[in-house]
Protein backbone atom coordinates (compact mmCIF):
# COMPACT_ATOMS: atom_id res chain seq x y z
CA UNK A 1 113.74 101.81 134.77
CA UNK A 2 115.36 104.67 135.44
CA UNK A 3 114.60 108.03 133.62
CA UNK A 4 115.84 108.16 129.96
CA UNK A 5 115.39 111.80 129.13
CA UNK A 6 115.01 114.42 131.39
CA UNK A 7 114.23 117.55 129.09
CA UNK A 8 111.87 117.75 125.94
CA UNK A 9 113.62 118.96 122.67
CA UNK A 10 112.04 120.44 119.77
CA UNK A 11 114.29 119.23 116.49
CA UNK A 12 116.14 122.27 115.02
CA UNK A 13 117.34 122.10 111.55
CA UNK A 14 116.87 125.56 109.97
CA UNK A 15 116.15 126.15 106.09
CA UNK A 16 119.17 127.94 105.97
CA UNK A 17 120.98 124.77 106.23
CA UNK A 18 118.92 123.23 103.65
CA UNK A 19 120.11 123.11 99.76
CA UNK A 20 118.35 126.48 98.12
CA UNK A 21 117.48 124.36 95.28
CA UNK A 22 115.16 121.24 96.82
CA UNK A 23 113.39 118.89 94.80
CA UNK A 24 110.42 117.32 96.07
CA UNK A 25 112.51 114.25 96.69
CA UNK A 26 114.97 116.48 98.90
CA UNK A 27 112.03 117.98 100.71
CA UNK A 28 110.32 114.48 101.36
CA UNK A 29 113.98 112.91 102.47
CA UNK A 30 114.33 116.01 105.08
CA UNK A 31 110.58 116.32 106.47
CA UNK A 32 110.94 112.28 106.99
CA UNK A 33 114.33 112.68 108.97
CA UNK A 34 113.07 115.23 110.96
CA UNK A 35 109.66 113.10 111.86
CA UNK A 36 111.86 110.37 112.47
CA UNK A 37 114.09 111.77 114.95
CA UNK A 38 111.14 113.82 116.84
CA UNK A 39 109.25 110.40 117.20
CA UNK A 40 112.39 108.82 118.58
CA UNK A 41 112.64 111.16 121.39
CA UNK A 42 108.97 111.14 121.92
CA UNK A 43 108.84 107.34 122.17
CA UNK A 44 111.68 107.28 124.93
CA UNK A 45 110.42 109.82 126.60
CA UNK A 46 107.01 108.55 126.70
CA UNK A 47 106.92 105.17 125.49
CA UNK A 48 104.69 104.06 122.58
CA UNK A 49 101.24 104.41 124.77
CA UNK A 50 101.78 107.67 126.34
CA UNK A 51 103.17 109.48 122.88
CA UNK A 52 101.18 111.06 120.14
CA UNK A 53 101.35 112.16 116.99
CA UNK A 54 100.59 115.55 117.57
CA UNK A 55 103.60 115.70 120.21
CA UNK A 56 105.86 114.38 117.37
CA UNK A 57 104.35 116.95 115.05
CA UNK A 58 105.23 119.79 117.70
CA UNK A 59 108.91 118.11 118.38
CA UNK A 60 109.19 118.11 114.31
CA UNK A 61 107.82 121.69 114.01
CA UNK A 62 105.73 120.21 111.34
CA UNK A 63 102.24 120.34 110.81
CA UNK A 64 100.53 116.88 112.01
CA UNK A 65 98.98 116.36 108.51
CA UNK A 66 102.67 115.92 107.53
CA UNK A 67 103.21 112.97 109.98
CA UNK A 68 100.05 111.24 109.00
CA UNK A 69 101.52 111.84 105.22
CA UNK A 70 104.40 110.38 105.70
CA UNK A 71 103.74 107.51 108.08
CA UNK A 72 99.95 106.89 108.27
CA UNK A 73 99.71 106.58 111.86
CA UNK A 74 101.45 106.03 115.00
CA UNK A 75 101.75 102.31 115.06
CA UNK A 76 103.26 102.35 111.31
CA UNK A 77 105.60 105.09 112.84
CA UNK A 78 106.73 103.35 115.86
CA UNK A 79 107.62 100.52 113.69
CA UNK A 80 109.77 102.47 111.19
CA UNK A 81 111.91 104.14 114.03
CA UNK A 82 112.62 100.59 115.33
CA UNK A 83 113.62 98.97 112.45
CA UNK A 84 115.81 102.28 111.01
CA UNK A 85 117.46 101.75 114.67
CA UNK A 86 118.24 97.97 114.01
CA UNK A 87 119.21 98.71 110.61
CA UNK A 88 121.74 100.80 111.62
CA UNK A 89 123.40 98.55 113.73
CA UNK A 90 123.40 95.83 111.54
CA UNK A 91 125.79 97.99 108.89
CA UNK A 92 128.44 96.79 110.89
CA UNK A 93 128.54 93.78 108.95
CA UNK A 94 126.70 94.49 105.96
CA UNK A 95 129.63 93.74 103.72
CA UNK A 96 130.98 90.82 105.79
CA UNK A 97 131.79 87.40 103.42
CA UNK A 98 133.31 84.25 103.86
CA UNK A 99 136.62 86.00 102.29
CA UNK A 100 136.69 88.96 104.85
CA UNK A 101 139.24 88.95 107.53
CA UNK A 102 137.50 87.63 110.66
CA UNK A 103 139.66 89.87 112.79
CA UNK A 104 139.01 92.96 111.09
CA UNK A 105 135.16 92.32 110.74
CA UNK A 106 134.77 91.59 114.32
CA UNK A 107 136.68 94.29 115.56
CA UNK A 108 134.93 96.56 113.41
CA UNK A 109 131.93 95.11 114.35
CA UNK A 110 132.51 95.42 118.07
CA UNK A 111 133.64 99.37 117.68
CA UNK A 112 131.03 100.27 115.74
CA UNK A 113 128.34 99.19 117.92
CA UNK A 114 130.04 100.34 121.39
CA UNK A 115 130.28 103.67 119.47
CA UNK A 116 126.17 103.78 118.44
CA UNK A 117 125.44 102.67 122.07
CA UNK A 118 127.86 105.74 123.50
CA UNK A 119 126.49 108.27 120.72
CA UNK A 120 123.04 107.16 120.77
CA UNK A 121 122.08 105.75 124.05
CA UNK A 122 118.10 106.30 123.73
CA UNK A 123 118.10 104.23 120.64
CA UNK A 124 119.10 101.20 122.41
CA UNK A 125 117.04 101.98 125.39
CA UNK A 126 113.70 102.73 123.21
CA UNK A 127 114.57 98.98 121.50
CA UNK A 128 114.90 97.44 125.06
CA UNK A 129 112.14 98.57 126.31
CA UNK A 130 109.95 97.08 123.43
CA UNK A 131 111.72 94.17 123.73
CA UNK A 132 111.27 93.55 127.30
CA UNK A 133 107.44 94.39 126.69
CA UNK A 134 107.57 91.28 124.55
CA UNK A 135 108.22 93.10 121.36
CA UNK A 136 104.54 93.77 119.92
CA UNK A 137 105.28 95.48 117.53
CA UNK A 138 108.64 93.95 116.44
CA UNK A 139 107.50 90.15 116.67
CA UNK A 140 106.98 89.39 113.24
CA UNK A 141 110.32 91.50 111.78
CA UNK A 142 112.69 89.92 114.56
CA UNK A 143 111.36 86.08 113.57
CA UNK A 144 111.94 86.71 109.73
CA UNK A 145 114.31 90.01 108.62
CA UNK A 146 116.22 90.02 112.03
CA UNK A 147 116.25 86.30 112.29
CA UNK A 148 117.83 85.60 108.44
CA UNK A 149 120.41 88.36 109.05
CA UNK A 150 121.57 86.97 112.37
CA UNK A 151 121.62 82.97 110.83
CA UNK A 152 123.56 84.55 107.92
CA UNK A 153 126.18 86.36 109.42
CA UNK A 154 126.27 83.33 111.98
CA UNK A 155 126.56 80.89 108.73
CA UNK A 156 129.70 82.78 107.53
CA UNK A 157 131.51 82.34 111.12
CA UNK A 158 130.76 78.92 110.99
CA UNK A 159 132.54 78.66 107.85
CA UNK A 160 135.18 80.71 108.93
CA UNK A 161 135.76 77.73 112.11
CA UNK A 162 135.66 75.01 109.62
CA UNK A 163 138.29 76.95 107.86
CA UNK A 164 139.96 77.23 110.85
CA UNK A 165 140.21 80.67 111.03
CA UNK A 166 138.44 81.70 114.04
CA UNK A 167 137.69 79.25 117.28
CA UNK A 168 134.25 79.96 118.27
CA UNK A 169 132.03 76.82 116.85
CA UNK A 170 128.82 78.42 118.07
CA UNK A 171 129.04 81.94 116.22
CA UNK A 172 125.45 83.06 117.35
CA UNK A 173 126.36 82.99 121.01
CA UNK A 174 129.43 85.40 119.71
CA UNK A 175 126.78 87.48 118.17
CA UNK A 176 124.57 87.79 121.38
CA UNK A 177 127.65 88.27 123.36
CA UNK A 178 128.42 91.39 121.19
CA UNK A 179 125.15 92.43 121.26
CA UNK A 180 125.16 91.97 125.15
CA UNK A 181 128.24 93.83 126.07
CA UNK A 182 127.98 96.82 123.83
CA UNK A 183 124.21 97.55 124.40
CA UNK A 184 124.90 97.32 128.10
CA UNK A 185 126.74 100.54 127.86
CA UNK A 186 123.45 102.05 126.59
CA UNK A 187 120.75 100.78 128.49
CA UNK A 188 122.45 100.67 131.66
CA UNK A 189 124.14 104.13 131.36
CA UNK A 190 123.03 105.25 135.03
CA UNK A 191 124.15 102.01 136.57
CA UNK A 192 127.46 102.13 135.03
CA UNK A 193 128.15 105.93 135.53
CA UNK A 194 127.57 105.43 138.89
CA UNK A 195 129.89 102.66 138.95
CA UNK A 196 132.73 105.09 137.15
CA UNK A 197 131.45 107.72 140.08
CA UNK A 198 130.37 109.98 137.35
CA UNK A 199 127.33 112.28 136.33
CA UNK A 200 127.69 111.38 132.66
CA UNK A 201 130.00 109.84 130.25
CA UNK A 202 132.86 111.63 128.63
CA UNK A 203 135.06 111.00 125.93
CA UNK A 204 137.40 108.70 127.49
CA UNK A 205 134.92 106.20 128.36
CA UNK A 206 134.04 104.56 125.10
CA UNK A 207 137.72 104.20 124.15
CA UNK A 208 138.21 102.67 127.69
CA UNK A 209 135.26 99.99 126.74
CA UNK A 210 136.49 99.59 123.17
CA UNK A 211 140.56 98.84 124.34
CA UNK A 212 138.99 96.52 127.17
CA UNK A 213 136.38 94.45 124.67
CA UNK A 214 138.12 94.41 121.54
CA UNK A 215 141.03 92.40 122.66
CA UNK A 216 138.87 90.19 125.04
CA UNK A 217 136.36 89.11 122.34
CA UNK A 218 139.32 88.28 120.24
CA UNK A 219 141.24 86.65 122.40
CA UNK A 220 137.93 84.38 122.67
CA UNK A 221 137.51 83.82 118.95
CA UNK A 222 141.45 82.70 119.00
CA UNK A 223 142.10 85.88 116.93
CA UNK A 224 144.76 87.74 119.50
């Protein structure tokens, strides 16, 4: 797998950017956000095995004791990072119901997933590495919470199909297709920018991908 991050970065969120009067809850939320961002970078750069709590603390600019205070240990922190990534991805369908407009929902989901892939490619790469390795830290979550979420959304789409609103009889395959096509831009970034004869994505590439994928998927759903 190609290198994911080339430069070690330290999280920079100065105290001047924070509210003057902060409650303990504000401080906790701020520190946890710092730690999760730092942990994401550390795990992507060094993998789960190579990452250390001290390395995460250094990136976050916090004492290592703070990392243990909020997240106990490396394994727990790694699981929280992965699950927060999945939760963010799933937000594109969080308000979906049988009464929703299928075209609006599916288009929004594709565009949201694409934006996440272009804006935060390392999150997709971290998730891909975990799954390729057999998902040892996500197996229980994927076989329960994630599975239930996917089946629930697929059931809504199945009802749409029965009502004649979409032409997809196997909606679970539609979800897999959307995951595959959108996440590819992040997980195989090096390959794609090479095919585009570029060194990196530019601002037009996300729009170019969306302009192709959205109508392509909607046509496949009978939603032209």
